[in-house]
PDB file of N, CA and C in Angstrom:
ATOM      1  N   MET A   1       0.717  -1.378  -0.242  1.00  0.00           N
ATOM      2  CA  MET A   1       0.136  -0.203   0.047  1.00  0.00           C
ATOM      3  C   MET A   1       0.984   1.326  -0.214  1.00  0.00           C
ATOM      4  N   GLY A   2       2.168   1.762   0.870  1.00  0.00           N
ATOM      5  CA  GLY A   2       2.997   2.238   0.368  1.00  0.00           C
ATOM      6  C   GLY A   2       3.267   2.809  -0.655  1.00  0.00           C
ATOM      7  N   LYS A   3       3.582   1.718  -1.664  1.00  0.00           N
ATOM      8  CA  LYS A   3       4.186   1.583  -2.959  1.00  0.00           C
ATOM      9  C   LYS A   3       3.208   2.171  -3.530  1.00  0.00           C
ATOM     10  N   ILE A   4       1.721   1.938  -3.259  1.00  0.00           N
ATOM     11  CA  ILE A   4       0.922   2.818  -3.995  1.00  0.00           C
ATOM     12  C   ILE A   4       0.817   4.290  -4.038  1.00  0.00           C
ATOM     13  N   PHE A   5       1.168   4.619  -2.343  1.00  0.00           N
ATOM     14  CA  PHE A   5       1.226   5.923  -1.992  1.00  0.00           C
ATOM     15  C   PHE A   5       2.027   7.059  -2.730  1.00  0.00           C
ATOM     16  N   LEU A   6       3.470   5.909  -2.848  1.00  0.00           N
ATOM     17  CA  LEU A   6       4.603   6.312  -2.956  1.00  0.00           C
ATOM     18  C   LEU A   6       4.487   7.138  -4.801  1.00  0.00           C
ATOM     19  N   GLY A   7       3.845   5.795  -5.482  1.00  0.00           N
ATOM     20  CA  GLY A   7       3.612   6.057  -6.638  1.00  0.00           C
ATOM     21  C   GLY A   7       2.806   7.024  -7.304  1.00  0.00           C
ATOM     22  N   ILE A   8       1.582   7.412  -6.367  1.00  0.00           N
ATOM     23  CA  ILE A   8       0.488   8.534  -6.677  1.00  0.00           C
ATOM     24  C   ILE A   8       1.435   9.891  -6.400  1.00  0.00           C
ATOM     25  N   PHE A   9       2.108  10.042  -5.435  1.00  0.00           N
ATOM     26  CA  PHE A   9       2.635  10.786  -5.083  1.00  0.00           C
ATOM     27  C   PHE A   9       4.016  11.528  -5.838  1.00  0.00           C
ATOM     28  N   ILE A  10       4.734  10.651  -6.198  1.00  0.00           N
ATOM     29  CA  ILE A  10       5.601  10.897  -7.524  1.00  0.00           C
ATOM     30  C   ILE A  10       5.044  11.586  -9.002  1.00  0.00           C
ATOM     31  N   VAL A  11       3.561  10.773  -9.347  1.00  0.00           N
ATOM     32  CA  VAL A  11       3.219  10.848 -10.513  1.00  0.00           C
ATOM     33  C   VAL A  11       2.349  12.780 -10.346  1.00  0.00           C
ATOM     34  N   ILE A  12       2.166  13.143  -8.851  1.00  0.00           N
ATOM     35  CA  ILE A  12       1.641  14.682  -8.702  1.00  0.00           C
ATOM     36  C   ILE A  12       2.636  15.425  -8.646  1.00  0.00           C
ATOM     37  N   LEU A  13       3.833  15.069  -7.975  1.00  0.00           N
ATOM     38  CA  LEU A  13       4.868  15.899  -8.129  1.00  0.00           C
ATOM     39  C   LEU A  13       5.386  16.227 -10.012  1.00  0.00           C
ATOM     40  N   ILE A  14       5.337  15.504 -10.346  1.00  0.00           N
ATOM     41  CA  ILE A  14       5.642  15.544 -11.806  1.00  0.00           C
ATOM     42  C   ILE A  14       4.788  16.481 -12.744  1.00  0.00           C
ATOM     43  N   ILE A  15       3.355  16.083 -12.469  1.00  0.00           N
ATOM     44  CA  ILE A  15       2.194  16.935 -12.870  1.00  0.00           C
ATOM     45  C   ILE A  15       2.110  18.585 -12.771  1.00  0.00           C
ATOM     46  N   ALA A  16       2.564  18.267 -11.147  1.00  0.00           N
ATOM     47  CA  ALA A  16       3.044  20.219 -10.591  1.00  0.00           C
ATOM     48  C   ALA A  16       4.150  20.588 -11.291  1.00  0.00           C
ATOM     49  N   PHE A  17       5.268  20.178 -11.847  1.00  0.00           N
ATOM     50  CA  PHE A  17       6.246  20.777 -12.040  1.00  0.00           C
ATOM     51  C   PHE A  17       6.083  20.860 -13.557  1.00  0.00           C
ATOM     52  N   LEU A  18       5.451  20.236 -14.377  1.00  0.00           N
ATOM     53  CA  LEU A  18       5.270  20.085 -15.683  1.00  0.00           C
ATOM     54  C   LEU A  18       4.905  21.337 -16.112  1.00  0.00           C
ATOM     55  N   PRO A  19       5.215  22.143 -17.371  1.00  0.00           N
ATOM     56  CA  PRO A  19       4.658  23.391 -18.159  1.00  0.00           C
ATOM     57  C   PRO A  19       3.592  23.531 -18.442  1.00  0.00           C
ATOM     58  N   GLU A  20       2.852  24.743 -17.754  1.00  0.00           N
ATOM     59  CA  GLU A  20       1.759  25.272 -18.397  1.00  0.00           C
ATOM     60  C   GLU A  20       1.221  24.781 -19.642  1.00  0.00           C
ATOM     61  N   SER A  21      -0.171  23.768 -20.015  1.00  0.00           N
ATOM     62  CA  SER A  21      -0.198  23.878 -21.077  1.00  0.00           C
ATOM     63  C   SER A  21      -2.139  23.623 -20.947  1.00  0.00           C
ATOM     64  N   ASP A  22      -2.217  23.375 -22.247  1.00  0.00           N
ATOM     65  CA  ASP A  22      -4.150  23.423 -22.565  1.00  0.00           C
ATOM     66  C   ASP A  22      -4.499  22.144 -22.431  1.00  0.00           C
ATOM     67  N   ASP A  23      -3.861  21.434 -21.601  1.00  0.00           N
ATOM     68  CA  ASP A  23      -4.630  19.823 -21.798  1.00  0.00           C
ATOM     69  C   ASP A  23      -4.588  19.543 -20.424  1.00  0.00           C
ATOM     70  N   GLN A  24      -5.591  18.339 -19.840  1.00  0.00           N
ATOM     71  CA  GLN A  24      -6.093  18.378 -18.852  1.00  0.00           C
ATOM     72  C   GLN A  24      -6.094  16.459 -18.672  1.00  0.00           C
ATOM     73  N   MET A  25      -5.539  16.232 -18.113  1.00  0.00           N
ATOM     74  CA  MET A  25      -5.453  14.465 -17.913  1.00  0.00           C
ATOM     75  C   MET A  25      -6.941  14.211 -16.932  1.00  0.00           C
ATOM     76  N   VAL A  26      -7.514  13.102 -17.874  1.00  0.00           N
ATOM     77  CA  VAL A  26      -8.656  12.280 -17.014  1.00  0.00           C
ATOM     78  C   VAL A  26      -8.721  11.005 -16.674  1.00  0.00           C
ATOM     79  N   GLY A  27      -8.921  10.373 -15.690  1.00  0.00           N
ATOM     80  CA  GLY A  27      -8.609   9.415 -15.411  1.00  0.00           C
ATOM     81  C   GLY A  27      -9.922   8.568 -14.787  1.00  0.00           C
ATOM     82  N   ALA A  28      -9.997   6.962 -14.495  1.00  0.00           N
ATOM     83  CA  ALA A  28     -10.819   6.531 -13.619  1.00  0.00           C
ATOM     84  C   ALA A  28     -10.172   5.115 -13.804  1.00  0.00           C
ATOM     85  N   GLU A  29     -10.950   4.478 -12.846  1.00  0.00           N
ATOM     86  CA  GLU A  29     -10.547   2.819 -12.270  1.00  0.00           C
ATOM     87  C   GLU A  29     -11.923   2.017 -13.008  1.00  0.00           C
ATOM     88  N   PHE A  30     -11.181   0.878 -13.572  1.00  0.00           N
ATOM     89  CA  PHE A  30     -12.115  -0.189 -14.510  1.00  0.00           C
ATOM     90  C   PHE A  30     -12.469  -1.416 -13.728  1.00  0.00           C
ATOM     91  N   SER A  31     -13.023  -2.247 -13.990  1.00  0.00           N
ATOM     92  CA  SER A  31     -12.545  -3.576 -13.597  1.00  0.00           C
ATOM     93  C   SER A  31     -11.902  -4.606 -14.672  1.00  0.00           C
ATOM     94  N   THR A  32     -11.556  -3.895 -15.635  1.00  0.00           N
ATOM     95  CA  THR A  32     -11.395  -4.746 -17.226  1.00  0.00           C
ATOM     96  C   THR A  32     -10.648  -3.764 -17.771  1.00  0.00           C
ATOM     97  N   MET A  33      -9.580  -4.814 -18.682  1.00  0.00           N
ATOM     98  CA  MET A  33      -9.283  -3.979 -19.399  1.00  0.00           C
ATOM     99  C   MET A  33     -10.056  -3.311 -20.787  1.00  0.00           C
ATOM    100  N   PRO A  34     -10.889  -4.488 -21.240  1.00  0.00           N
ATOM    101  CA  PRO A  34     -11.566  -4.047 -22.494  1.00  0.00           C
ATOM    102  C   PRO A  34     -12.431  -2.911 -21.980  1.00  0.00           C
ATOM    103  N   SER A  35     -13.012  -2.895 -20.710  1.00  0.00           N
ATOM    104  CA  SER A  35     -13.752  -1.504 -20.024  1.00  0.00           C
ATOM    105  C   SER A  35     -13.141  -0.294 -19.997  1.00  0.00           C
ATOM    106  N   CYS A  36     -11.704  -0.531 -19.962  1.00  0.00           N
ATOM    107  CA  CYS A  36     -10.813   0.675 -19.306  1.00  0.00           C
ATOM    108  C   CYS A  36     -10.714   1.292 -20.998  1.00  0.00           C
ATOM    109  N   LEU A  37     -10.410   0.716 -22.225  1.00  0.00           N
ATOM    110  CA  LEU A  37     -10.354   0.802 -23.407  1.00  0.00           C
ATOM    111  C   LEU A  37     -11.462   1.255 -23.883  1.00  0.00           C
ATOM    112  N   ALA A  38     -12.586   0.542 -23.956  1.00  0.00           N
ATOM    113  CA  ALA A  38     -13.868   1.122 -24.291  1.00  0.00           C
ATOM    114  C   ALA A  38     -14.141   2.625 -23.870  1.00  0.00           C
ATOM    115  N   SER A  39     -13.965   2.846 -22.603  1.00  0.00           N
ATOM    116  CA  SER A  39     -14.108   4.041 -21.913  1.00  0.00           C
ATOM    117  C   SER A  39     -13.672   5.171 -22.645  1.00  0.00           C
ATOM    118  N   ILE A  40     -12.503   4.932 -22.897  1.00  0.00           N
ATOM    119  CA  ILE A  40     -11.354   5.835 -23.301  1.00  0.00           C
ATOM    120  C   ILE A  40     -11.908   6.551 -24.585  1.00  0.00           C
ATOM    121  N   LYS A  41     -11.909   5.406 -25.194  1.00  0.00           N
ATOM    122  CA  LYS A  41     -12.468   5.571 -26.657  1.00  0.00           C
ATOM    123  C   LYS A  41     -14.019   6.313 -26.692  1.00  0.00           C
ATOM    124  N   GLN A  42     -15.004   6.325 -26.017  1.00  0.00           N
ATOM    125  CA  GLN A  42     -16.282   6.600 -25.780  1.00  0.00           C
ATOM    126  C   GLN A  42     -16.259   7.957 -24.989  1.00  0.00           C
ATOM    127  N   ASN A  43     -15.176   8.660 -24.199  1.00  0.00           N
ATOM    128  CA  ASN A  43     -15.506   9.498 -23.621  1.00  0.00           C
ATOM    129  C   ASN A  43     -14.481  10.503 -24.433  1.00  0.00           C
ATOM    130  N   SER A  44     -13.334  10.030 -25.043  1.00  0.00           N
ATOM    131  CA  SER A  44     -12.794  10.925 -25.559  1.00  0.00           C
ATOM    132  C   SER A  44     -13.074  11.125 -27.243  1.00  0.00           C
ATOM    133  N   GLY A  45     -14.108  10.870 -27.665  1.00  0.00           N
ATOM    134  CA  GLY A  45     -14.474  10.529 -28.817  1.00  0.00           C
ATOM    135  C   GLY A  45     -13.501  10.486 -30.072  1.00  0.00           C
ATOM    136  N   GLN A  46     -12.412   9.729 -29.404  1.00  0.00           N
ATOM    137  CA  GLN A  46     -11.310   9.303 -30.209  1.00  0.00           C
ATOM    138  C   GLN A  46     -11.241   7.944 -30.664  1.00  0.00           C
ATOM    139  N   SER A  47     -10.505   7.451 -31.724  1.00  0.00           N
ATOM    140  CA  SER A  47     -10.145   6.119 -31.886  1.00  0.00           C
ATOM    141  C   SER A  47      -8.569   5.827 -31.371  1.00  0.00           C
ATOM    142  N   PHE A  48      -7.991   4.968 -31.254  1.00  0.00           N
ATOM    143  CA  PHE A  48      -6.471   4.798 -31.161  1.00  0.00           C
ATOM    144  C   PHE A  48      -5.976   4.695 -32.687  1.00  0.00           C
ATOM    145  N   ASP A  49      -5.002   5.510 -32.166  1.00  0.00           N
ATOM    146  CA  ASP A  49      -4.192   5.873 -33.712  1.00  0.00           C
ATOM    147  C   ASP A  49      -2.531   4.868 -33.500  1.00  0.00           C
ATOM    148  N   LYS A  50      -1.836   5.293 -32.618  1.00  0.00           N
ATOM    149  CA  LYS A  50      -0.759   4.547 -32.630  1.00  0.00           C
ATOM    150  C   LYS A  50      -0.632   3.738 -31.062  1.00  0.00           C
ATOM    151  N   LEU A  51       0.011   2.578 -31.113  1.00  0.00           N
ATOM    152  CA  LEU A  51      -0.120   1.963 -29.982  1.00  0.00           C
ATOM    153  C   LEU A  51       1.398   1.949 -29.911  1.00  0.00           C
ATOM    154  N   THR A  52       2.330   2.320 -28.381  1.00  0.00           N
ATOM    155  CA  THR A  52       3.533   2.196 -27.874  1.00  0.00           C
ATOM    156  C   THR A  52       3.860   1.124 -27.005  1.00  0.00           C
ATOM    157  N   GLU A  53       2.524   0.271 -26.739  1.00  0.00           N
ATOM    158  CA  GLU A  53       2.886  -0.823 -25.404  1.00  0.00           C
ATOM    159  C   GLU A  53       1.373  -1.375 -25.498  1.00  0.00           C
ATOM    160  N   ASP A  54       1.307  -2.867 -26.154  1.00  0.00           N
ATOM    161  CA  ASP A  54       0.240  -3.555 -26.161  1.00  0.00           C
ATOM    162  C   ASP A  54       0.656  -4.909 -25.314  1.00  0.00           C
ATOM    163  N   THR A  55       0.286  -5.118 -23.910  1.00  0.00           N
ATOM    164  CA  THR A  55       0.576  -5.933 -23.028  1.00  0.00           C
ATOM    165  C   THR A  55      -1.281  -6.305 -22.349  1.00  0.00           C
ATOM    166  N   PRO A  56      -0.808  -7.784 -21.979  1.00  0.00           N
ATOM    167  CA  PRO A  56      -1.898  -7.391 -20.997  1.00  0.00           C
ATOM    168  C   PRO A  56      -2.107  -6.884 -19.723  1.00  0.00           C
ATOM    169  N   ASP A  57      -1.027  -6.368 -19.297  1.00  0.00           N
ATOM    170  CA  ASP A  57      -0.975  -5.657 -18.134  1.00  0.00           C
ATOM    171  C   ASP A  57      -1.044  -4.185 -18.510  1.00  0.00           C
ATOM    172  N   ARG A  58      -0.785  -3.650 -19.338  1.00  0.00           N
ATOM    173  CA  ARG A  58      -0.811  -2.738 -19.797  1.00  0.00           C
ATOM    174  C   ARG A  58      -1.072  -2.403 -21.335  1.00  0.00           C
ATOM    175  N   VAL A  59      -1.810  -1.159 -22.114  1.00  0.00           N
ATOM    176  CA  VAL A  59      -1.863  -0.460 -23.284  1.00  0.00           C
ATOM    177  C   VAL A  59      -1.811   0.961 -23.437  1.00  0.00           C
ATOM    178  N   HIS A  60      -0.473   1.369 -23.916  1.00  0.00           N
ATOM    179  CA  HIS A  60      -0.250   2.602 -23.759  1.00  0.00           C
ATOM    180  C   HIS A  60      -0.514   3.001 -25.442  1.00  0.00           C
ATOM    181  N   GLY A  61      -0.685   4.155 -25.506  1.00  0.00           N
ATOM    182  CA  GLY A  61      -0.371   4.702 -26.968  1.00  0.00           C
ATOM    183  C   GLY A  61      -1.177   6.168 -27.205  1.00  0.00           C
ATOM    184  N   PHE A  62      -1.482   6.642 -28.389  1.00  0.00           N
ATOM    185  CA  PHE A  62      -2.055   7.540 -29.121  1.00  0.00           C
ATOM    186  C   PHE A  62      -2.924   7.494 -29.718  1.00  0.00           C
ATOM    187  N   LEU A  63      -4.310   8.963 -29.324  1.00  0.00           N
ATOM    188  CA  LEU A  63      -5.511   9.103 -29.924  1.00  0.00           C
ATOM    189  C   LEU A  63      -5.639   9.648 -31.011  1.00  0.00           C
ATOM    190  N   THR A  64      -6.496   9.638 -32.339  1.00  0.00           N
ATOM    191  CA  THR A  64      -6.152   9.889 -33.098  1.00  0.00           C
ATOM    192  C   THR A  64      -6.309  11.936 -32.820  1.00  0.00           C
ATOM    193  N   ASN A  65      -6.071  12.399 -32.187  1.00  0.00           N
ATOM    194  CA  ASN A  65      -6.215  13.610 -31.834  1.00  0.00           C
ATOM    195  C   ASN A  65      -4.592  13.984 -31.608  1.00  0.00           C
ATOM    196  N   GLY A  66      -3.643  12.884 -31.698  1.00  0.00           N
ATOM    197  CA  GLY A  66      -2.554  13.143 -30.743  1.00  0.00           C
ATOM    198  C   GLY A  66      -2.050  12.909 -29.590  1.00  0.00           C
ATOM    199  N   LYS A  67      -2.672  13.191 -28.753  1.00  0.00           N
ATOM    200  CA  LYS A  67      -3.101  12.842 -27.329  1.00  0.00           C
ATOM    201  C   LYS A  67      -2.719  11.481 -26.568  1.00  0.00           C
ATOM    202  N   GLN A  68      -1.711  11.724 -25.467  1.00  0.00           N
ATOM    203  CA  GLN A  68      -1.796  10.183 -25.125  1.00  0.00           C
ATOM    204  C   GLN A  68      -3.091   9.524 -24.225  1.00  0.00           C
ATOM    205  N   PHE A  69      -3.032   8.251 -24.475  1.00  0.00           N
ATOM    206  CA  PHE A  69      -4.094   7.374 -23.101  1.00  0.00           C
ATOM    207  C   PHE A  69      -2.735   6.217 -22.700  1.00  0.00           C
ATOM    208  N   ASP A  70      -3.720   5.759 -21.587  1.00  0.00           N
ATOM    209  CA  ASP A  70      -2.771   4.250 -20.990  1.00  0.00           C
ATOM    210  C   ASP A  70      -4.143   3.562 -20.147  1.00  0.00           C
ATOM    211  N   CYS A  71      -4.571   2.546 -20.231  1.00  0.00           N
ATOM    212  CA  CYS A  71      -4.655   1.832 -19.114  1.00  0.00           C
ATOM    213  C   CYS A  71      -3.878   0.663 -18.568  1.00  0.00           C
ATOM    214  N   GLU A  72      -3.391   0.472 -17.678  1.00  0.00           N
ATOM    215  CA  GLU A  72      -2.553  -0.224 -16.902  1.00  0.00           C
ATOM    216  C   GLU A  72      -3.281  -0.925 -15.727  1.00  0.00           C
ATOM    217  N   LYS A  73      -3.028  -2.143 -15.713  1.00  0.00           N
ATOM    218  CA  LYS A  73      -3.257  -2.915 -14.619  1.00  0.00           C
ATOM    219  C   LYS A  73      -2.870  -2.695 -12.925  1.00  0.00           C
ATOM    220  N   LYS A  74      -3.513  -2.440 -12.104  1.00  0.00           N
ATOM    221  CA  LYS A  74      -3.030  -1.819 -10.595  1.00  0.00           C
ATOM    222  C   LYS A  74      -3.617  -3.037  -9.841  1.00  0.00           C
ATOM    223  N   GLU A  75      -2.747  -3.183  -8.339  1.00  0.00           N
ATOM    224  CA  GLU A  75      -3.109  -4.222  -7.518  1.00  0.00           C
ATOM    225  C   GLU A  75      -3.033  -3.641  -6.281  1.00  0.00           C
ATOM    226  N   SER A  76      -4.043  -3.667  -5.212  1.00  0.00           N
ATOM    227  CA  SER A  76      -4.068  -3.177  -4.074  1.00  0.00           C
ATOM    228  C   SER A  76      -4.984  -4.051  -3.015  1.00  0.00           C
ATOM    229  N   GLY A  77      -3.699  -3.778  -1.967  1.00  0.00           N
ATOM    230  CA  GLY A  77      -4.458  -4.878  -1.006  1.00  0.00           C
ATOM    231  C   GLY A  77      -5.792  -4.205  -0.420  1.00  0.00           C
ATOM    232  N   THR A  78      -6.281  -3.316  -0.540  1.00  0.00           N
ATOM    233  CA  THR A  78      -7.406  -2.909   0.103  1.00  0.00           C
ATOM    234  C   THR A  78      -8.633  -2.891  -1.304  1.00  0.00           C
ATOM    235  N   LYS A  79      -8.080  -2.674  -2.877  1.00  0.00           N
ATOM    236  CA  LYS A  79      -9.473  -2.153  -3.680  1.00  0.00           C
ATOM    237  C   LYS A  79      -9.032  -3.850  -4.497  1.00  0.00           C
ATOM    238  N   GLY A  80      -8.121  -4.613  -4.366  1.00  0.00           N
ATOM    239  CA  GLY A  80      -7.735  -5.983  -5.281  1.00  0.00           C
ATOM    240  C   GLY A  80      -7.332  -5.527  -6.680  1.00  0.00           C
ATOM    241  N   THR A  81      -7.326  -5.930  -7.598  1.00  0.00           N
ATOM    242  CA  THR A  81      -6.991  -5.749  -8.705  1.00  0.00           C
ATOM    243  C   THR A  81      -7.769  -5.620  -9.771  1.00  0.00           C
ATOM    244  N   TYR A  82      -7.248  -3.741 -10.493  1.00  0.00           N
ATOM    245  CA  TYR A  82      -8.436  -2.734 -10.986  1.00  0.00           C
ATOM    246  C   TYR A  82      -7.558  -2.591 -12.399  1.00  0.00           C
ATOM    247  N   TYR A  83      -8.139  -1.975 -13.296  1.00  0.00           N
ATOM    248  CA  TYR A  83      -7.430  -0.814 -14.225  1.00  0.00           C
ATOM    249  C   TYR A  83      -7.436   0.589 -14.287  1.00  0.00           C
ATOM    250  N   LEU A  84      -6.382   1.173 -14.235  1.00  0.00           N
ATOM    251  CA  LEU A  84      -6.140   2.509 -14.160  1.00  0.00           C
ATOM    252  C   LEU A  84      -6.134   3.409 -15.536  1.00  0.00           C
ATOM    253  N   GLY A  85      -7.032   3.916 -15.741  1.00  0.00           N
ATOM    254  CA  GLY A  85      -7.227   4.290 -17.148  1.00  0.00           C
ATOM    255  C   GLY A  85      -7.073   6.116 -17.431  1.00  0.00           C
ATOM    256  N   THR A  86      -6.412   6.405 -18.261  1.00  0.00           N
ATOM    257  CA  THR A  86      -6.189   7.985 -18.035  1.00  0.00           C
ATOM    258  C   THR A  86      -5.825   8.440 -19.195  1.00  0.00           C
ATOM    259  N   TYR A  87      -6.486   9.660 -19.762  1.00  0.00           N
ATOM    260  CA  TYR A  87      -6.083   9.799 -21.379  1.00  0.00           C
ATOM    261  C   TYR A  87      -6.207  11.366 -21.551  1.00  0.00           C
ATOM    262  N   TRP A  88      -5.548  12.144 -22.534  1.00  0.00           N
ATOM    263  CA  TRP A  88      -5.343  13.383 -22.137  1.00  0.00           C
ATOM    264  C   TRP A  88      -6.263  14.571 -22.744  1.00  0.00           C
ATOM    265  N   LYS A  89      -6.800  15.805 -22.483  1.00  0.00           N
ATOM    266  CA  LYS A  89      -7.781  16.057 -23.731  1.00  0.00           C
ATOM    267  C   LYS A  89      -7.750  17.653 -23.387  1.00  0.00           C
ATOM    268  N   ASP A  90      -7.872  18.567 -24.157  1.00  0.00           N
ATOM    269  CA  ASP A  90      -8.256  20.075 -24.069  1.00  0.00           C
ATOM    270  C   ASP A  90      -9.023  20.452 -23.141  1.00  0.00           C
ATOM    271  N   LYS A  91      -8.403  21.670 -22.273  1.00  0.00           N
ATOM    272  CA  LYS A  91      -9.118  21.938 -21.110  1.00  0.00           C
ATOM    273  C   LYS A  91     -10.696  22.541 -21.829  1.00  0.00           C
TER     274      LYS A  91
END
């Protein structure tokens, strides 16, 4: 559980020190990889353009608008196994 909090803290630090941009990260948790991917396609209104990683535990790449997306398997003692989905969109 400490590793999860450390990981979240690192992501927050990275985002906090990134240059100001017109993009916003959107994220949610899902019970399956297919539901994670379907939600990103539906909510972003985009299709998948280029995959840079395509494994059972992580699918990462770019949407047709050039913005990044990611679905990654996570494991937690309190939440169990879930998939964290994120994508970038215009503010």
